[in-house]
Amino acid sequence: MRRTLFICALLVLVAFAVSPVSADPIHVGDTVYLTYNGHPFGSMAVHRYFDDGTHVGDSSSGAGLIGMLVGNPPDAVNPDSIETFCVQIGVYLKSAVSGPQPYDAVTAVGYTNQAGIDFQNAPGELTQTEVDALGRLWANALNFVHTGTSVDSAAMQLAIWELVYDNQTTGYDVTSGNFKVTVAGDQTVLTLANSWLAEALSGANWTSSQNVLILQSDGRQDLVTAAVPEPATLLLTGIGLLGVGLIRRRVQA
């Protein structure tokens, strides 16, 4: 019994040692201060178009996962960080030199763009179906982003924009509909984004999901992120459950 407890305690200590730093859980209603920290898995230059017959616009930008430091200011030695993707298509992030910027955490379902700042009020929004797809995209495609290239990072960003700016009537395809994208570089990013969209919307193969929320800030790029930190929390929870199982087994024996 004592040996089992010692082993479990040792596993927990190892988990703390190897787990990356992640921020405290973010909940709807929280205000968090974020500082831009680059594209840790790379990005791709893309050109985006929006035209629904009323709102028209186009712009170029980099597409990929964005790292954000948390805190006002972030800890100078071991700063917390979160992974995010852009939601809007006509709004830019504040650079790191601008310092921490305030963001309000809001529910993803029913999210709409703030008026007057995005492609002449392009009506981007998120339905329950789209938020469910976002959750599956986050839980499954993000694994490929972490181990892949800038193509994977950009493909997930394109898929997120597609969910925000198109709908079931226009269809979900990053090369057609109200919202579409062209790239001068590797064209496989378009195929990959559409493939992930199909998987995320169907849920047939991607059954796991992650709760997501929107970080909204007046006059700044809105962001989508996970509602809770992933690596350290999940690892420690798993080890804790393993320890409970081992102890129960020992007692029953």
Protein backbone atom coordinates (compact mmCIF):
# COMPACT_ATOMS: atom_id res chain seq x y z
CA MET A 1 0.00 0.00 0.00
CA ARG A 2 2.74 2.47 0.99
CA ARG A 3 4.76 1.50 -2.06
CA THR A 4 1.77 2.13 -4.32
CA LEU A 5 1.21 5.57 -2.81
CA PHE A 6 4.90 6.39 -3.21
CA ILE A 7 4.80 5.40 -6.90
CA CYS A 8 1.70 7.55 -7.52
CA ALA A 9 3.30 10.53 -5.76
CA LEU A 10 6.44 10.10 -7.85
CA LEU A 11 4.39 10.02 -11.06
CA VAL A 12 2.67 13.27 -10.09
CA LEU A 13 6.03 14.96 -9.47
CA VAL A 14 7.29 13.77 -12.85
CA ALA A 15 4.13 15.11 -14.49
CA PHE A 16 4.74 18.55 -13.00
CA ALA A 17 8.33 18.45 -14.22
CA VAL A 18 7.56 17.54 -17.84
CA SER A 19 4.27 19.38 -18.37
CA PRO A 20 4.46 22.69 -20.23
CA VAL A 21 3.32 25.86 -18.49
CA SER A 22 -0.36 26.59 -19.20
CA ALA A 23 -2.74 29.21 -17.96
CA ASP A 24 -5.48 28.86 -15.38
CA PRO A 25 -8.85 27.83 -16.81
CA ILE A 26 -10.72 30.60 -18.63
CA HIS A 27 -14.45 30.84 -18.02
CA VAL A 28 -17.22 32.78 -19.71
CA GLY A 29 -17.39 36.20 -18.06
CA ASP A 30 -13.66 36.37 -17.29
CA THR A 31 -11.52 39.27 -18.48
CA VAL A 32 -7.99 38.23 -19.40
CA TYR A 33 -5.01 40.27 -20.54
CA LEU A 34 -3.13 38.82 -23.52
CA THR A 35 0.11 39.69 -25.27
CA TYR A 36 0.89 38.46 -28.79
CA ASN A 37 3.67 35.86 -28.78
CA GLY A 38 4.00 34.81 -32.41
CA HIS A 39 3.14 31.69 -34.43
CA PRO A 40 4.84 28.79 -32.60
CA PHE A 41 3.99 26.26 -35.34
CA GLY A 42 4.45 28.57 -38.31
CA SER A 43 1.98 30.33 -40.60
CA MET A 44 1.18 30.76 -44.29
CA ALA A 45 0.37 33.87 -46.30
CA VAL A 46 -3.21 33.68 -47.58
CA HIS A 47 -5.59 36.00 -49.42
CA ARG A 48 -9.18 36.07 -48.12
CA TYR A 49 -12.34 37.16 -49.91
CA PHE A 50 -15.83 37.78 -48.59
CA ASP A 51 -18.87 38.55 -50.75
CA ASP A 52 -22.46 37.80 -49.76
CA GLY A 53 -23.95 40.27 -52.23
CA THR A 54 -24.11 43.03 -49.62
CA HIS A 55 -20.78 42.99 -47.80
CA VAL A 56 -17.65 42.76 -49.94
CA GLY A 57 -13.99 42.78 -48.99
CA ASP A 58 -10.63 41.08 -49.35
CA SER A 59 -7.32 41.16 -47.52
CA SER A 60 -4.08 39.27 -47.08
CA SER A 61 -2.63 37.97 -43.84
CA GLY A 62 -0.73 35.17 -42.19
CA ALA A 63 -2.79 32.16 -41.10
CA GLY A 64 -1.80 29.88 -38.25
CA LEU A 65 -2.00 29.13 -34.55
CA ILE A 66 -1.20 32.16 -32.39
CA GLY A 67 0.48 31.96 -29.01
CA MET A 68 -0.66 34.50 -26.42
CA LEU A 69 0.98 35.27 -23.08
CA VAL A 70 -1.44 35.72 -20.18
CA GLY A 71 -1.20 38.39 -17.49
CA ASN A 72 -0.92 42.12 -16.96
CA PRO A 73 1.99 41.98 -17.29
CA PRO A 74 2.93 38.33 -18.06
CA ASP A 75 5.29 36.72 -15.56
CA ALA A 76 8.84 37.59 -16.60
CA VAL A 77 10.27 34.16 -15.71
CA ASN A 78 7.51 31.57 -16.28
CA PRO A 79 4.68 33.27 -18.17
CA ASP A 80 1.37 31.48 -18.62
CA SER A 81 0.31 31.04 -22.23
CA ILE A 82 -2.66 29.88 -24.28
CA GLU A 83 -3.12 28.74 -27.87
CA THR A 84 -5.55 30.72 -30.02
CA PHE A 85 -6.74 31.24 -33.58
CA CYS A 86 -8.21 34.35 -35.19
CA VAL A 87 -11.98 34.64 -35.58
CA GLN A 88 -12.29 37.77 -37.73
CA ILE A 89 -10.97 38.36 -41.24
CA GLY A 90 -10.50 42.12 -41.35
CA VAL A 91 -9.06 42.98 -37.96
CA TYR A 92 -5.44 42.84 -36.86
CA LEU A 93 -3.87 41.81 -33.58
CA LYS A 94 -2.06 44.32 -31.44
CA SER A 95 1.68 43.69 -31.58
CA ALA A 96 3.68 42.68 -28.53
CA VAL A 97 5.07 46.20 -28.19
CA SER A 98 1.53 47.43 -27.49
CA GLY A 99 1.58 45.48 -24.22
CA PRO A 100 -1.16 43.31 -22.68
CA GLN A 101 -4.65 43.84 -24.17
CA PRO A 102 -7.94 43.07 -22.36
CA TYR A 103 -10.24 40.34 -23.73
CA ASP A 104 -13.65 39.26 -22.44
CA ALA A 105 -14.49 35.55 -22.56
CA VAL A 106 -17.91 34.98 -24.16
CA THR A 107 -19.83 31.89 -25.24
CA ALA A 108 -19.09 30.72 -28.77
CA VAL A 109 -22.71 29.88 -29.62
CA GLY A 110 -24.41 32.98 -30.95
CA TYR A 111 -21.15 34.91 -31.36
CA THR A 112 -21.35 37.69 -33.94
CA ASN A 113 -18.78 40.20 -35.13
CA GLN A 114 -18.68 43.60 -33.54
CA ALA A 115 -20.17 46.17 -35.90
CA GLY A 116 -18.07 48.51 -37.95
CA ILE A 117 -14.71 46.78 -37.79
CA ASP A 118 -14.84 43.76 -40.05
CA PHE A 119 -15.10 43.77 -43.85
CA GLN A 120 -17.83 46.41 -43.82
CA ASN A 121 -19.82 44.49 -41.19
CA ALA A 122 -19.49 41.05 -42.82
CA PRO A 123 -22.01 38.91 -40.89
CA GLY A 124 -19.82 36.26 -39.31
CA GLU A 125 -21.52 34.21 -36.61
CA LEU A 126 -21.47 30.80 -34.94
CA THR A 127 -24.39 28.40 -34.59
CA GLN A 128 -24.53 25.39 -32.26
CA THR A 129 -23.65 23.08 -35.17
CA GLU A 130 -20.61 25.19 -36.00
CA VAL A 131 -19.48 25.41 -32.40
CA ASP A 132 -19.77 21.62 -32.09
CA ALA A 133 -17.58 21.34 -35.19
CA LEU A 134 -15.12 23.82 -33.67
CA GLY A 135 -14.88 21.64 -30.57
CA ARG A 136 -14.12 18.54 -32.62
CA LEU A 137 -11.63 20.49 -34.75
CA TRP A 138 -9.83 21.64 -31.61
CA ALA A 139 -9.75 18.18 -30.02
CA ASN A 140 -8.51 16.39 -33.14
CA ALA A 141 -6.87 18.64 -35.75
CA LEU A 142 -4.83 20.49 -33.13
CA ASN A 143 -2.84 17.29 -32.57
CA PHE A 144 -1.68 17.49 -36.20
CA VAL A 145 -0.81 21.17 -35.78
CA HIS A 146 1.42 20.35 -32.81
CA THR A 147 3.36 17.73 -34.75
CA GLY A 148 3.07 19.06 -38.30
CA THR A 149 4.21 22.02 -40.37
CA SER A 150 2.96 25.51 -41.14
CA VAL A 151 0.52 23.91 -43.61
CA ASP A 152 -1.29 22.17 -40.73
CA SER A 153 -1.29 25.34 -38.66
CA ALA A 154 -2.73 27.38 -41.53
CA ALA A 155 -5.28 24.70 -42.47
CA MET A 156 -6.85 24.82 -39.02
CA GLN A 157 -7.09 28.62 -39.18
CA LEU A 158 -8.80 28.44 -42.59
CA ALA A 159 -11.27 25.85 -41.30
CA ILE A 160 -12.16 28.13 -38.37
CA TRP A 161 -12.75 31.14 -40.63
CA GLU A 162 -14.93 28.99 -42.88
CA LEU A 163 -17.13 27.94 -39.95
CA VAL A 164 -17.54 31.58 -38.91
CA TYR A 165 -18.21 33.11 -42.33
CA ASP A 166 -20.13 30.47 -44.26
CA ASN A 167 -23.17 28.39 -43.32
CA GLN A 168 -25.17 25.30 -44.19
CA THR A 169 -26.82 27.10 -47.11
CA THR A 170 -23.57 28.19 -48.78
CA GLY A 171 -21.76 25.00 -47.76
CA TYR A 172 -18.45 24.67 -45.96
CA ASP A 173 -15.61 24.87 -48.48
CA VAL A 174 -12.68 27.28 -48.20
CA THR A 175 -12.55 27.65 -52.00
CA SER A 176 -16.20 28.63 -52.56
CA GLY A 177 -19.19 30.29 -50.88
CA ASN A 178 -19.38 33.73 -49.29
CA PHE A 179 -15.92 33.28 -47.77
CA LYS A 180 -13.04 31.85 -49.79
CA VAL A 181 -9.27 31.74 -49.73
CA THR A 182 -6.45 31.61 -52.26
CA VAL A 183 -2.80 30.87 -51.54
CA ALA A 184 0.32 31.44 -53.60
CA GLY A 185 2.20 28.66 -51.81
CA ASP A 186 1.39 25.02 -51.01
CA GLN A 187 -2.13 24.34 -52.32
CA THR A 188 -2.53 21.28 -50.10
CA VAL A 189 -3.50 23.65 -47.28
CA LEU A 190 -6.88 24.16 -48.99
CA THR A 191 -7.52 20.43 -49.41
CA LEU A 192 -6.46 19.76 -45.83
CA ALA A 193 -8.72 22.50 -44.42
CA ASN A 194 -11.73 21.10 -46.32
CA SER A 195 -10.92 17.57 -45.19
CA TRP A 196 -10.80 18.65 -41.54
CA LEU A 197 -14.01 20.63 -41.97
CA ALA A 198 -15.81 17.54 -43.27
CA GLU A 199 -14.57 15.44 -40.34
CA ALA A 200 -15.42 18.11 -37.77
CA LEU A 201 -18.94 18.67 -39.12
CA SER A 202 -19.81 15.00 -39.45
CA GLY A 203 -18.36 13.74 -36.15
CA ALA A 204 -18.37 10.19 -37.52
CA ASN A 205 -14.65 9.62 -36.98
CA TRP A 206 -13.79 12.59 -34.76
CA THR A 207 -15.88 11.72 -31.72
CA SER A 208 -13.82 13.58 -29.08
CA SER A 209 -14.51 17.27 -28.52
CA GLN A 210 -13.14 20.26 -26.61
CA ASN A 211 -15.12 23.11 -25.09
CA VAL A 212 -14.20 26.36 -26.84
CA LEU A 213 -15.01 30.01 -26.18
CA ILE A 214 -14.42 33.36 -27.82
CA LEU A 215 -12.10 36.03 -26.44
CA GLN A 216 -13.63 39.31 -27.57
CA SER A 217 -12.05 42.75 -27.48
CA ASP A 218 -13.35 46.03 -28.87
CA GLY A 219 -11.29 47.16 -31.86
CA ARG A 220 -8.98 44.15 -31.72
CA GLN A 221 -8.95 40.72 -33.31
CA ASP A 222 -11.33 38.30 -31.58
CA LEU A 223 -9.82 34.90 -30.76
CA VAL A 224 -11.05 31.36 -30.24
CA THR A 225 -9.41 29.20 -27.59
CA ALA A 226 -10.00 26.16 -25.40
CA ALA A 227 -12.09 26.80 -22.29
CA VAL A 228 -9.56 24.94 -20.11
CA PRO A 229 -5.81 24.32 -20.43
CA GLU A 230 -5.08 20.97 -22.02
CA PRO A 231 -1.65 19.39 -21.33
CA ALA A 232 -0.86 19.59 -17.62
CA THR A 233 -4.40 19.35 -16.28
CA LEU A 234 -5.36 16.31 -18.34
CA LEU A 235 -2.10 14.51 -17.60
CA LEU A 236 -2.42 15.02 -13.86
CA THR A 237 -6.05 13.96 -13.90
CA GLY A 238 -5.15 10.77 -15.72
CA ILE A 239 -2.36 9.96 -13.28
CA GLY A 240 -4.68 10.65 -10.35
CA LEU A 241 -7.25 8.22 -11.70
CA LEU A 242 -4.52 5.65 -12.28
CA GLY A 243 -3.42 6.02 -8.68
CA VAL A 244 -6.94 5.58 -7.37
CA GLY A 245 -7.32 2.45 -9.48
CA LEU A 246 -4.07 1.00 -8.21
CA ILE A 247 -4.95 1.68 -4.59
CA ARG A 248 -8.43 0.19 -4.95
CA ARG A 249 -7.00 -2.90 -6.61
CA ARG A 250 -4.45 -3.32 -3.80
CA VAL A 251 -7.12 -2.97 -1.10
CA GLN A 252 -9.42 -5.49 -2.79
CA ALA A 253 -6.54 -7.95 -3.11
